[in-house]
Amino acid sequence: MKVVILNGSCENDPTGEHFLSSLESEMELRDWEVEPVLLRQRKIGNCAGDFFLLDSESRLVQYR
């Protein structure tokens, strides 16, 4: 399994760093490949689409 973590925490945020570290460790214990993406280092434009959330079986959970 591959996991992409979208990290939107602020720079020097100890809570965010701790949470990310714990999450990455847990995923690696399950032998999942982890790819963290640090959002503050990217230029992101305005939202141009809809939001939806899928469960682990790719079923629609929420749509906005």
Protein backbone atom coordinates (compact mmCIF):
# COMPACT_ATOMS: atom_id res chain seq x y z
CA MET A 1 0.00 0.00 0.00
CA LYS A 2 1.17 3.54 -0.68
CA VAL A 3 0.19 6.46 1.55
CA VAL A 4 0.46 10.13 0.61
CA ILE A 5 0.42 12.42 3.65
CA LEU A 6 -0.55 16.02 2.90
CA ASN A 7 1.20 17.99 5.63
CA GLY A 8 -0.37 21.42 6.03
CA SER A 9 1.25 22.28 9.36
CA CYS A 10 3.06 25.55 9.98
CA GLU A 11 6.84 25.73 10.18
CA ASN A 12 8.26 24.90 13.66
CA ASP A 13 4.96 23.35 14.80
CA PRO A 14 5.93 20.74 17.41
CA THR A 15 2.44 19.22 17.49
CA GLY A 16 2.36 18.81 13.71
CA GLU A 17 5.86 17.36 13.65
CA HIS A 18 5.02 14.87 16.41
CA PHE A 19 1.78 13.84 14.71
CA LEU A 20 3.50 13.38 11.33
CA SER A 21 6.32 11.36 12.88
CA SER A 22 3.86 9.08 14.69
CA LEU A 23 1.72 8.62 11.60
CA GLU A 24 4.71 7.82 9.38
CA SER A 25 6.06 5.31 11.92
CA GLU A 26 2.71 3.52 12.16
CA MET A 27 2.38 3.26 8.38
CA GLU A 28 5.96 1.99 7.99
CA LEU A 29 5.32 -0.68 10.66
CA ARG A 30 2.57 -1.95 8.36
CA ASP A 31 5.11 -2.02 5.49
CA TRP A 32 3.30 0.76 3.66
CA GLU A 33 5.25 3.12 1.45
CA VAL A 34 4.91 6.66 2.82
CA GLU A 35 5.26 9.83 0.74
CA PRO A 36 4.88 13.00 2.80
CA VAL A 37 4.07 16.21 0.90
CA LEU A 38 4.89 19.45 2.71
CA LEU A 39 2.23 21.85 1.45
CA ARG A 40 3.88 25.06 2.68
CA GLN A 41 6.70 24.45 0.19
CA ARG A 42 4.29 24.36 -2.75
CA LYS A 43 2.40 27.05 -4.58
CA ILE A 44 -1.24 25.99 -4.54
CA GLY A 45 -3.91 27.86 -6.48
CA ASN A 46 -7.56 28.30 -5.56
CA CYS A 47 -9.78 25.24 -5.44
CA ALA A 48 -11.26 24.46 -8.82
CA GLY A 49 -13.24 21.36 -7.99
CA ASP A 50 -15.37 19.42 -5.58
CA PHE A 51 -14.39 17.66 -2.39
CA PHE A 52 -15.13 14.01 -1.86
CA LEU A 53 -13.93 11.36 0.55
CA LEU A 54 -13.73 7.63 -0.16
CA ASP A 55 -13.48 4.84 2.38
CA SER A 56 -10.92 2.01 2.19
CA GLU A 57 -13.13 0.17 -0.32
CA SER A 58 -13.44 3.23 -2.59
CA ARG A 59 -17.05 3.92 -1.60
CA LEU A 60 -18.21 7.52 -1.41
CA VAL A 61 -18.36 8.66 2.20
CA GLN A 62 -18.82 12.42 1.85
CA TYR A 63 -19.34 14.83 -1.03
CA ARG A 64 -19.39 18.61 -0.93
